Amino acid sequence: MVGSIGGGAFSGHIDYVIGLFAAGAEGKKGTGPGLKSKIGLIGIARKVFIFTMVAVSHLIDGVLGDSHLFRDAVAYFYMANELLSILENGARLGAPIPLVAR
């Protein structure tokens, strides 16, 4: 997998793993709920929805003529969303985040 779909899959996996670390760290500090299977299941459901939207947009592109316009637009949108989530999870872990990104 290369390109927009590969980048989206990679950023989605990294976001989920860093989210697990952040939830575990918050649970140990007592500032958050910690690792909860219900919250994790909701996170997985969100990722499945994202990949489903990318797949549907790919099908739409196939019907309209193989330009990959919709697929790439949807993939880049969700990739940007995942990168913002990675930044938020990094801040939850205590990583220094620039003021512009907060």
PDB file of N, CA and C in Angstrom:
ATOM      1  N   MET A   1       0.840  -1.184   0.000  1.00  0.00           N
ATOM      2  CA  MET A   1       0.000   0.000   0.000  1.00  0.00           C
ATOM      3  C   MET A   1       0.882   1.244   0.000  1.00  0.00           C
ATOM      4  N   VAL A   2       0.701   2.008  -0.991  1.00  0.00           N
ATOM      5  CA  VAL A   2       1.487   3.218  -1.106  1.00  0.00           C
ATOM      6  C   VAL A   2       0.533   4.389  -1.303  1.00  0.00           C
ATOM      7  N   GLY A   3       1.031   5.578  -1.079  1.00  0.00           N
ATOM      8  CA  GLY A   3       0.242   6.761  -1.352  1.00  0.00           C
ATOM      9  C   GLY A   3      -0.735   7.104  -0.252  1.00  0.00           C
ATOM     10  N   SER A   4      -1.859   7.649  -0.663  1.00  0.00           N
ATOM     11  CA  SER A   4      -2.819   8.175   0.306  1.00  0.00           C
ATOM     12  C   SER A   4      -3.433   7.084   1.182  1.00  0.00           C
ATOM     13  N   ILE A   5      -3.718   5.930   0.620  1.00  0.00           N
ATOM     14  CA  ILE A   5      -4.335   4.862   1.421  1.00  0.00           C
ATOM     15  C   ILE A   5      -3.327   4.298   2.414  1.00  0.00           C
ATOM     16  N   GLY A   6      -2.102   4.095   1.980  1.00  0.00           N
ATOM     17  CA  GLY A   6      -1.066   3.601   2.881  1.00  0.00           C
ATOM     18  C   GLY A   6      -0.760   4.587   3.993  1.00  0.00           C
ATOM     19  N   GLY A   7      -0.712   5.860   3.653  1.00  0.00           N
ATOM     20  CA  GLY A   7      -0.481   6.893   4.664  1.00  0.00           C
ATOM     21  C   GLY A   7      -1.610   6.956   5.673  1.00  0.00           C
ATOM     22  N   GLY A   8      -2.842   6.805   5.197  1.00  0.00           N
ATOM     23  CA  GLY A   8      -3.988   6.807   6.101  1.00  0.00           C
ATOM     24  C   GLY A   8      -3.992   5.605   7.028  1.00  0.00           C
ATOM     25  N   ALA A   9      -3.670   4.442   6.484  1.00  0.00           N
ATOM     26  CA  ALA A   9      -3.616   3.234   7.312  1.00  0.00           C
ATOM     27  C   ALA A   9      -2.512   3.349   8.356  1.00  0.00           C
ATOM     28  N   PHE A  10      -1.350   3.847   7.940  1.00  0.00           N
ATOM     29  CA  PHE A  10      -0.236   3.996   8.871  1.00  0.00           C
ATOM     30  C   PHE A  10      -0.570   4.982   9.983  1.00  0.00           C
ATOM     31  N   SER A  11      -1.108   6.149   9.617  1.00  0.00           N
ATOM     32  CA  SER A  11      -1.423   7.159  10.638  1.00  0.00           C
ATOM     33  C   SER A  11      -2.544   6.677  11.552  1.00  0.00           C
ATOM     34  N   GLY A  12      -3.491   5.899  11.030  1.00  0.00           N
ATOM     35  CA  GLY A  12      -4.552   5.352  11.876  1.00  0.00           C
ATOM     36  C   GLY A  12      -4.019   4.379  12.910  1.00  0.00           C
ATOM     37  N   HIS A  13      -3.097   3.518  12.491  1.00  0.00           N
ATOM     38  CA  HIS A  13      -2.508   2.565  13.432  1.00  0.00           C
ATOM     39  C   HIS A  13      -1.658   3.271  14.486  1.00  0.00           C
ATOM     40  N   ILE A  14      -0.861   4.225  14.070  1.00  0.00           N
ATOM     41  CA  ILE A  14      -0.020   4.971  15.011  1.00  0.00           C
ATOM     42  C   ILE A  14      -0.894   5.728  16.007  1.00  0.00           C
ATOM     43  N   ASP A  15      -1.972   6.340  15.529  1.00  0.00           N
ATOM     44  CA  ASP A  15      -2.886   7.068  16.414  1.00  0.00           C
ATOM     45  C   ASP A  15      -3.478   6.137  17.462  1.00  0.00           C
ATOM     46  N   TYR A  16      -3.887   4.946  17.062  1.00  0.00           N
ATOM     47  CA  TYR A  16      -4.494   4.017  18.009  1.00  0.00           C
ATOM     48  C   TYR A  16      -3.485   3.581  19.074  1.00  0.00           C
ATOM     49  N   VAL A  17      -2.263   3.275  18.656  1.00  0.00           N
ATOM     50  CA  VAL A  17      -1.241   2.825  19.610  1.00  0.00           C
ATOM     51  C   VAL A  17      -0.880   3.950  20.582  1.00  0.00           C
ATOM     52  N   ILE A  18      -0.682   5.164  20.077  1.00  0.00           N
ATOM     53  CA  ILE A  18      -0.352   6.281  20.960  1.00  0.00           C
ATOM     54  C   ILE A  18      -1.530   6.604  21.876  1.00  0.00           C
ATOM     55  N   GLY A  19      -2.762   6.427  21.376  1.00  0.00           N
ATOM     56  CA  GLY A  19      -3.945   6.605  22.221  1.00  0.00           C
ATOM     57  C   GLY A  19      -3.970   5.592  23.364  1.00  0.00           C
ATOM     58  N   LEU A  20      -3.553   4.360  23.095  1.00  0.00           N
ATOM     59  CA  LEU A  20      -3.455   3.358  24.159  1.00  0.00           C
ATOM     60  C   LEU A  20      -2.437   3.777  25.217  1.00  0.00           C
ATOM     61  N   PHE A  21      -1.278   4.257  24.758  1.00  0.00           N
ATOM     62  CA  PHE A  21      -0.260   4.720  25.694  1.00  0.00           C
ATOM     63  C   PHE A  21      -0.772   5.886  26.536  1.00  0.00           C
ATOM     64  N   ALA A  22      -1.448   6.840  25.891  1.00  0.00           N
ATOM     65  CA  ALA A  22      -1.958   8.013  26.607  1.00  0.00           C
ATOM     66  C   ALA A  22      -3.020   7.618  27.621  1.00  0.00           C
ATOM     67  N   ALA A  23      -3.917   6.705  27.256  1.00  0.00           N
ATOM     68  CA  ALA A  23      -4.950   6.259  28.191  1.00  0.00           C
ATOM     69  C   ALA A  23      -4.323   5.536  29.378  1.00  0.00           C
ATOM     70  N   GLY A  24      -3.315   4.711  29.104  1.00  0.00           N
ATOM     71  CA  GLY A  24      -2.634   4.020  30.191  1.00  0.00           C
ATOM     72  C   GLY A  24      -1.929   4.982  31.124  1.00  0.00           C
ATOM     73  N   ALA A  25      -1.282   5.996  30.559  1.00  0.00           N
ATOM     74  CA  ALA A  25      -0.573   6.981  31.377  1.00  0.00           C
ATOM     75  C   ALA A  25      -1.551   7.798  32.214  1.00  0.00           C
ATOM     76  N   GLU A  26      -2.689   8.181  31.630  1.00  0.00           N
ATOM     77  CA  GLU A  26      -3.682   8.945  32.390  1.00  0.00           C
ATOM     78  C   GLU A  26      -4.287   8.103  33.506  1.00  0.00           C
ATOM     79  N   GLY A  27      -4.474   6.819  33.251  1.00  0.00           N
ATOM     80  CA  GLY A  27      -5.026   5.934  34.277  1.00  0.00           C
ATOM     81  C   GLY A  27      -4.089   5.795  35.465  1.00  0.00           C
ATOM     82  N   LYS A  28      -2.784   5.738  35.208  1.00  0.00           N
ATOM     83  CA  LYS A  28      -1.804   5.625  36.293  1.00  0.00           C
ATOM     84  C   LYS A  28      -1.722   6.908  37.106  1.00  0.00           C
ATOM     85  N   LYS A  29      -1.880   8.066  36.435  1.00  0.00           N
ATOM     86  CA  LYS A  29      -1.826   9.343  37.140  1.00  0.00           C
ATOM     87  C   LYS A  29      -3.143   9.656  37.851  1.00  0.00           C
ATOM     88  N   GLY A  30      -4.213   8.974  37.467  1.00  0.00           N
ATOM     89  CA  GLY A  30      -5.524   9.258  38.049  1.00  0.00           C
ATOM     90  C   GLY A  30      -6.222  10.441  37.429  1.00  0.00           C
ATOM     91  N   THR A  31      -5.765  10.897  36.262  1.00  0.00           N
ATOM     92  CA  THR A  31      -6.380  12.061  35.619  1.00  0.00           C
ATOM     93  C   THR A  31      -7.380  11.679  34.544  1.00  0.00           C
ATOM     94  N   GLY A  32      -7.537  10.399  34.280  1.00  0.00           N
ATOM     95  CA  GLY A  32      -8.463   9.947  33.247  1.00  0.00           C
ATOM     96  C   GLY A  32      -8.972   8.562  33.569  1.00  0.00           C
ATOM     97  N   PRO A  33      -9.826   8.031  32.715  1.00  0.00           N
ATOM     98  CA  PRO A  33     -10.418   6.721  32.995  1.00  0.00           C
ATOM     99  C   PRO A  33      -9.448   5.554  32.836  1.00  0.00           C
ATOM    100  N   GLY A  34      -8.301   5.774  32.193  1.00  0.00           N
ATOM    101  CA  GLY A  34      -7.361   4.685  31.960  1.00  0.00           C
ATOM    102  C   GLY A  34      -7.796   3.839  30.775  1.00  0.00           C
ATOM    103  N   LEU A  35      -7.305   2.614  30.749  1.00  0.00           N
ATOM    104  CA  LEU A  35      -7.638   1.711  29.650  1.00  0.00           C
ATOM    105  C   LEU A  35      -8.995   1.067  29.916  1.00  0.00           C
ATOM    106  N   LYS A  36      -9.950   1.359  29.080  1.00  0.00           N
ATOM    107  CA  LYS A  36     -11.301   0.795  29.193  1.00  0.00           C
ATOM    108  C   LYS A  36     -11.654   0.133  27.866  1.00  0.00           C
ATOM    109  N   SER A  37     -12.148  -1.087  27.937  1.00  0.00           N
ATOM    110  CA  SER A  37     -12.445  -1.811  26.705  1.00  0.00           C
ATOM    111  C   SER A  37     -13.565  -1.145  25.911  1.00  0.00           C
ATOM    112  N   LYS A  38     -14.532  -0.529  26.588  1.00  0.00           N
ATOM    113  CA  LYS A  38     -15.628   0.130  25.878  1.00  0.00           C
ATOM    114  C   LYS A  38     -15.115   1.330  25.080  1.00  0.00           C
ATOM    115  N   ILE A  39     -14.218   2.107  25.678  1.00  0.00           N
ATOM    116  CA  ILE A  39     -13.647   3.263  24.986  1.00  0.00           C
ATOM    117  C   ILE A  39     -12.777   2.784  23.824  1.00  0.00           C
ATOM    118  N   GLY A  40     -12.010   1.705  24.038  1.00  0.00           N
ATOM    119  CA  GLY A  40     -11.182   1.142  22.973  1.00  0.00           C
ATOM    120  C   GLY A  40     -12.011   0.617  21.817  1.00  0.00           C
ATOM    121  N   LEU A  41     -13.145   0.008  22.137  1.00  0.00           N
ATOM    122  CA  LEU A  41     -14.031  -0.502  21.091  1.00  0.00           C
ATOM    123  C   LEU A  41     -14.600   0.638  20.251  1.00  0.00           C
ATOM    124  N   ILE A  42     -14.921   1.749  20.890  1.00  0.00           N
ATOM    125  CA  ILE A  42     -15.405   2.922  20.155  1.00  0.00           C
ATOM    126  C   ILE A  42     -14.308   3.439  19.228  1.00  0.00           C
ATOM    127  N   GLY A  43     -13.055   3.444  19.705  1.00  0.00           N
ATOM    128  CA  GLY A  43     -11.935   3.872  18.872  1.00  0.00           C
ATOM    129  C   GLY A  43     -11.751   2.981  17.660  1.00  0.00           C
ATOM    130  N   ILE A  44     -11.872   1.671  17.863  1.00  0.00           N
ATOM    131  CA  ILE A  44     -11.749   0.740  16.742  1.00  0.00           C
ATOM    132  C   ILE A  44     -12.899   0.939  15.755  1.00  0.00           C
ATOM    133  N   ALA A  45     -14.108   1.157  16.272  1.00  0.00           N
ATOM    134  CA  ALA A  45     -15.263   1.388  15.395  1.00  0.00           C
ATOM    135  C   ALA A  45     -15.057   2.652  14.555  1.00  0.00           C
ATOM    136  N   ARG A  46     -14.459   3.691  15.141  1.00  0.00           N
ATOM    137  CA  ARG A  46     -14.174   4.917  14.385  1.00  0.00           C
ATOM    138  C   ARG A  46     -13.187   4.644  13.251  1.00  0.00           C
ATOM    139  N   LYS A  47     -12.163   3.836  13.545  1.00  0.00           N
ATOM    140  CA  LYS A  47     -11.174   3.512  12.508  1.00  0.00           C
ATOM    141  C   LYS A  47     -11.816   2.701  11.380  1.00  0.00           C
ATOM    142  N   VAL A  48     -12.673   1.756  11.734  1.00  0.00           N
ATOM    143  CA  VAL A  48     -13.367   0.955  10.713  1.00  0.00           C
ATOM    144  C   VAL A  48     -14.237   1.859   9.849  1.00  0.00           C
ATOM    145  N   PHE A  49     -14.921   2.821  10.466  1.00  0.00           N
ATOM    146  CA  PHE A  49     -15.742   3.766   9.712  1.00  0.00           C
ATOM    147  C   PHE A  49     -14.881   4.579   8.746  1.00  0.00           C
ATOM    148  N   ILE A  50     -13.716   5.032   9.208  1.00  0.00           N
ATOM    149  CA  ILE A  50     -12.828   5.820   8.354  1.00  0.00           C
ATOM    150  C   ILE A  50     -12.405   5.003   7.134  1.00  0.00           C
ATOM    151  N   PHE A  51     -11.969   3.755   7.355  1.00  0.00           N
ATOM    152  CA  PHE A  51     -11.529   2.929   6.235  1.00  0.00           C
ATOM    153  C   PHE A  51     -12.698   2.580   5.314  1.00  0.00           C
ATOM    154  N   THR A  52     -13.893   2.462   5.863  1.00  0.00           N
ATOM    155  CA  THR A  52     -15.076   2.219   5.041  1.00  0.00           C
ATOM    156  C   THR A  52     -15.363   3.425   4.146  1.00  0.00           C
ATOM    157  N   MET A  53     -15.235   4.627   4.707  1.00  0.00           N
ATOM    158  CA  MET A  53     -15.457   5.834   3.899  1.00  0.00           C
ATOM    159  C   MET A  53     -14.438   5.936   2.763  1.00  0.00           C
ATOM    160  N   VAL A  54     -13.196   5.570   3.027  1.00  0.00           N
ATOM    161  CA  VAL A  54     -12.175   5.590   1.973  1.00  0.00           C
ATOM    162  C   VAL A  54     -12.514   4.557   0.899  1.00  0.00           C
ATOM    163  N   ALA A  55     -12.976   3.375   1.327  1.00  0.00           N
ATOM    164  CA  ALA A  55     -13.340   2.330   0.361  1.00  0.00           C
ATOM    165  C   ALA A  55     -14.527   2.761  -0.499  1.00  0.00           C
ATOM    166  N   VAL A  56     -15.530   3.378   0.121  1.00  0.00           N
ATOM    167  CA  VAL A  56     -16.704   3.840  -0.630  1.00  0.00           C
ATOM    168  C   VAL A  56     -16.293   4.935  -1.619  1.00  0.00           C
ATOM    169  N   SER A  57     -15.429   5.848  -1.185  1.00  0.00           N
ATOM    170  CA  SER A  57     -14.998   6.908  -2.100  1.00  0.00           C
ATOM    171  C   SER A  57     -14.178   6.323  -3.257  1.00  0.00           C
ATOM    172  N   HIS A  58     -13.461   5.240  -3.005  1.00  0.00           N
ATOM    173  CA  HIS A  58     -12.736   4.566  -4.089  1.00  0.00           C
ATOM    174  C   HIS A  58     -13.710   3.949  -5.093  1.00  0.00           C
ATOM    175  N   LEU A  59     -14.799   3.365  -4.595  1.00  0.00           N
ATOM    176  CA  LEU A  59     -15.820   2.816  -5.485  1.00  0.00           C
ATOM    177  C   LEU A  59     -16.479   3.914  -6.318  1.00  0.00           C
ATOM    178  N   ILE A  60     -16.734   5.050  -5.690  1.00  0.00           N
ATOM    179  CA  ILE A  60     -17.318   6.184  -6.422  1.00  0.00           C
ATOM    180  C   ILE A  60     -16.374   6.628  -7.530  1.00  0.00           C
ATOM    181  N   ASP A  61     -15.069   6.680  -7.228  1.00  0.00           N
ATOM    182  CA  ASP A  61     -14.096   7.037  -8.264  1.00  0.00           C
ATOM    183  C   ASP A  61     -14.108   6.033  -9.413  1.00  0.00           C
ATOM    184  N   GLY A  62     -14.277   4.759  -9.096  1.00  0.00           N
ATOM    185  CA  GLY A  62     -14.334   3.742 -10.142  1.00  0.00           C
ATOM    186  C   GLY A  62     -15.520   3.945 -11.065  1.00  0.00           C
ATOM    187  N   VAL A  63     -16.645   4.334 -10.495  1.00  0.00           N
ATOM    188  CA  VAL A  63     -17.845   4.585 -11.297  1.00  0.00           C
ATOM    189  C   VAL A  63     -17.657   5.823 -12.165  1.00  0.00           C
ATOM    190  N   LEU A  64     -16.976   6.835 -11.615  1.00  0.00           N
ATOM    191  CA  LEU A  64     -16.822   8.097 -12.336  1.00  0.00           C
ATOM    192  C   LEU A  64     -15.636   8.120 -13.296  1.00  0.00           C
ATOM    193  N   GLY A  65     -14.763   7.100 -13.249  1.00  0.00           N
ATOM    194  CA  GLY A  65     -13.707   7.072 -14.248  1.00  0.00           C
ATOM    195  C   GLY A  65     -12.284   6.955 -13.743  1.00  0.00           C
ATOM    196  N   ASP A  66     -12.048   6.324 -12.644  1.00  0.00           N
ATOM    197  CA  ASP A  66     -10.686   5.986 -12.196  1.00  0.00           C
ATOM    198  C   ASP A  66      -9.749   7.171 -11.999  1.00  0.00           C
ATOM    199  N   SER A  67     -10.224   8.320 -11.596  1.00  0.00           N
ATOM    200  CA  SER A  67      -9.324   9.460 -11.391  1.00  0.00           C
ATOM    201  C   SER A  67      -8.760   9.512  -9.970  1.00  0.00           C
ATOM    202  N   HIS A  68      -9.331   8.755  -9.047  1.00  0.00           N
ATOM    203  CA  HIS A  68      -8.926   8.720  -7.633  1.00  0.00           C
ATOM    204  C   HIS A  68      -9.069  10.072  -6.942  1.00  0.00           C
ATOM    205  N   LEU A  69      -9.885  10.935  -7.485  1.00  0.00           N
ATOM    206  CA  LEU A  69     -10.078  12.253  -6.897  1.00  0.00           C
ATOM    207  C   LEU A  69     -10.780  12.156  -5.543  1.00  0.00           C
ATOM    208  N   PHE A  70     -11.907  11.484  -5.480  1.00  0.00           N
ATOM    209  CA  PHE A  70     -12.659  11.382  -4.228  1.00  0.00           C
ATOM    210  C   PHE A  70     -11.906  10.550  -3.196  1.00  0.00           C
ATOM    211  N   ARG A  71     -11.319   9.443  -3.626  1.00  0.00           N
ATOM    212  CA  ARG A  71     -10.582   8.585  -2.701  1.00  0.00           C
ATOM    213  C   ARG A  71      -9.458   9.354  -2.041  1.00  0.00           C
ATOM    214  N   ASP A  72      -8.681  10.080  -2.835  1.00  0.00           N
ATOM    215  CA  ASP A  72      -7.559  10.825  -2.285  1.00  0.00           C
ATOM    216  C   ASP A  72      -8.028  11.956  -1.382  1.00  0.00           C
ATOM    217  N   ALA A  73      -9.092  12.647  -1.770  1.00  0.00           N
ATOM    218  CA  ALA A  73      -9.606  13.731  -0.938  1.00  0.00           C
ATOM    219  C   ALA A  73     -10.063  13.204   0.422  1.00  0.00           C
ATOM    220  N   VAL A  74     -10.811  12.110   0.422  1.00  0.00           N
ATOM    221  CA  VAL A  74     -11.291  11.526   1.679  1.00  0.00           C
ATOM    222  C   VAL A  74     -10.119  10.994   2.493  1.00  0.00           C
ATOM    223  N   ALA A  75      -9.176  10.332   1.847  1.00  0.00           N
ATOM    224  CA  ALA A  75      -8.017   9.779   2.559  1.00  0.00           C
ATOM    225  C   ALA A  75      -7.177  10.890   3.182  1.00  0.00           C
ATOM    226  N   TYR A  76      -6.949  11.982   2.457  1.00  0.00           N
ATOM    227  CA  TYR A  76      -6.160  13.087   3.005  1.00  0.00           C
ATOM    228  C   TYR A  76      -6.895  13.780   4.148  1.00  0.00           C
ATOM    229  N   PHE A  77      -8.221  13.909   4.033  1.00  0.00           N
ATOM    230  CA  PHE A  77      -8.995  14.503   5.122  1.00  0.00           C
ATOM    231  C   PHE A  77      -8.841  13.680   6.399  1.00  0.00           C
ATOM    232  N   TYR A  78      -9.037  12.379   6.287  1.00  0.00           N
ATOM    233  CA  TYR A  78      -8.930  11.539   7.480  1.00  0.00           C
ATOM    234  C   TYR A  78      -7.485  11.414   7.960  1.00  0.00           C
ATOM    235  N   MET A  79      -6.527  11.489   7.052  1.00  0.00           N
ATOM    236  CA  MET A  79      -5.132  11.470   7.471  1.00  0.00           C
ATOM    237  C   MET A  79      -4.804  12.714   8.296  1.00  0.00           C
ATOM    238  N   ALA A  80      -5.297  13.862   7.888  1.00  0.00           N
ATOM    239  CA  ALA A  80      -5.099  15.094   8.661  1.00  0.00           C
ATOM    240  C   ALA A  80      -5.776  14.969  10.024  1.00  0.00           C
ATOM    241  N   ASN A  81      -6.968  14.376  10.045  1.00  0.00           N
ATOM    242  CA  ASN A  81      -7.673  14.159  11.304  1.00  0.00           C
ATOM    243  C   ASN A  81      -6.863  13.253  12.232  1.00  0.00           C
ATOM    244  N   GLU A  82      -6.272  12.192  11.692  1.00  0.00           N
ATOM    245  CA  GLU A  82      -5.455  11.273  12.484  1.00  0.00           C
ATOM    246  C   GLU A  82      -4.206  11.978  13.020  1.00  0.00           C
ATOM    247  N   LEU A  83      -3.594  12.829  12.197  1.00  0.00           N
ATOM    248  CA  LEU A  83      -2.400  13.534  12.650  1.00  0.00           C
ATOM    249  C   LEU A  83      -2.723  14.497  13.781  1.00  0.00           C
ATOM    250  N   LEU A  84      -3.875  15.148  13.724  1.00  0.00           N
ATOM    251  CA  LEU A  84      -4.299  15.995  14.843  1.00  0.00           C
ATOM    252  C   LEU A  84      -4.531  15.171  16.097  1.00  0.00           C
ATOM    253  N   SER A  85      -5.114  14.010  15.931  1.00  0.00           N
ATOM    254  CA  SER A  85      -5.345  13.128  17.069  1.00  0.00           C
ATOM    255  C   SER A  85      -4.027  12.635  17.667  1.00  0.00           C
ATOM    256  N   ILE A  86      -3.036  12.371  16.820  1.00  0.00           N
ATOM    257  CA  ILE A  86      -1.709  11.979  17.316  1.00  0.00           C
ATOM    258  C   ILE A  86      -1.107  13.105  18.143  1.00  0.00           C
ATOM    259  N   LEU A  87      -1.248  14.350  17.683  1.00  0.00           N
ATOM    260  CA  LEU A  87      -0.764  15.494  18.457  1.00  0.00           C
ATOM    261  C   LEU A  87      -1.472  15.596  19.806  1.00  0.00           C
ATOM    262  N   GLU A  88      -2.792  15.414  19.815  1.00  0.00           N
ATOM    263  CA  GLU A  88      -3.547  15.471  21.068  1.00  0.00           C
ATOM    264  C   GLU A  88      -3.100  14.378  22.032  1.00  0.00           C
ATOM    265  N   ASN A  89      -2.897  13.171  21.514  1.00  0.00           N
ATOM    266  CA  ASN A  89      -2.452  12.075  22.366  1.00  0.00           C
ATOM    267  C   ASN A  89      -1.041  12.316  22.870  1.00  0.00           C
ATOM    268  N   GLY A  90      -0.198  12.914  22.052  1.00  0.00           N
ATOM    269  CA  GLY A  90       1.143  13.272  22.501  1.00  0.00           C
ATOM    270  C   GLY A  90       1.102  14.283  23.629  1.00  0.00           C
ATOM    271  N   ALA A  91       0.202  15.247  23.532  1.00  0.00           N
ATOM    272  CA  ALA A  91       0.043  16.230  24.609  1.00  0.00           C
ATOM    273  C   ALA A  91      -0.453  15.556  25.881  1.00  0.00           C
ATOM    274  N   ARG A  92      -1.342  14.575  25.748  1.00  0.00           N
ATOM    275  CA  ARG A  92      -1.815  13.830  26.920  1.00  0.00           C
ATOM    276  C   ARG A  92      -0.688  13.066  27.588  1.00  0.00           C
ATOM    277  N   LEU A  93       0.300  12.659  26.788  1.00  0.00           N
ATOM    278  CA  LEU A  93       1.467  11.953  27.335  1.00  0.00           C
ATOM    279  C   LEU A  93       2.485  12.897  27.943  1.00  0.00           C
ATOM    280  N   GLY A  94       2.329  14.200  27.692  1.00  0.00           N
ATOM    281  CA  GLY A  94       3.249  15.180  28.244  1.00  0.00           C
ATOM    282  C   GLY A  94       4.311  15.644  27.269  1.00  0.00           C
ATOM    283  N   ALA A  95       4.195  15.279  26.002  1.00  0.00           N
ATOM    284  CA  ALA A  95       5.157  15.727  24.997  1.00  0.00           C
ATOM    285  C   ALA A  95       4.968  17.221  24.740  1.00  0.00           C
ATOM    286  N   PRO A  96       6.058  17.950  24.521  1.00  0.00           N
ATOM    287  CA  PRO A  96       5.910  19.375  24.231  1.00  0.00           C
ATOM    288  C   PRO A  96       5.299  19.585  22.843  1.00  0.00           C
ATOM    289  N   ILE A  97       4.209  20.321  22.808  1.00  0.00           N
ATOM    290  CA  ILE A  97       3.489  20.610  21.563  1.00  0.00           C
ATOM    291  C   ILE A  97       3.589  22.105  21.304  1.00  0.00           C
ATOM    292  N   PRO A  98       3.981  22.542  20.111  1.00  0.00           N
ATOM    293  CA  PRO A  98       4.078  23.976  19.818  1.00  0.00           C
ATOM    294  C   PRO A  98       2.730  24.677  20.014  1.00  0.00           C
ATOM    295  N   LEU A  99       2.782  25.929  20.391  1.00  0.00           N
ATOM    296  CA  LEU A  99       1.555  26.698  20.639  1.00  0.00           C
ATOM    297  C   LEU A  99       0.668  26.763  19.410  1.00  0.00           C
ATOM    298  N   VAL A 100       1.248  26.793  18.218  1.00  0.00           N
ATOM    299  CA  VAL A 100       0.484  26.875  16.987  1.00  0.00           C
ATOM    300  C   VAL A 100      -0.383  25.650  16.807  1.00  0.00           C
ATOM    301  N   ALA A 101       0.075  24.492  17.280  1.00  0.00           N
ATOM    302  CA  ALA A 101      -0.641  23.232  17.083  1.00  0.00           C
ATOM    303  C   ALA A 101      -1.663  22.947  18.177  1.00  0.00           C
ATOM    304  N   ARG A 102      -1.711  23.760  19.210  1.00  0.00           N
ATOM    305  CA  ARG A 102      -2.648  23.497  20.322  1.00  0.00           C
ATOM    306  C   ARG A 102      -4.029  23.982  20.045  1.00  0.00           C
TER     307      ARG A 102
END
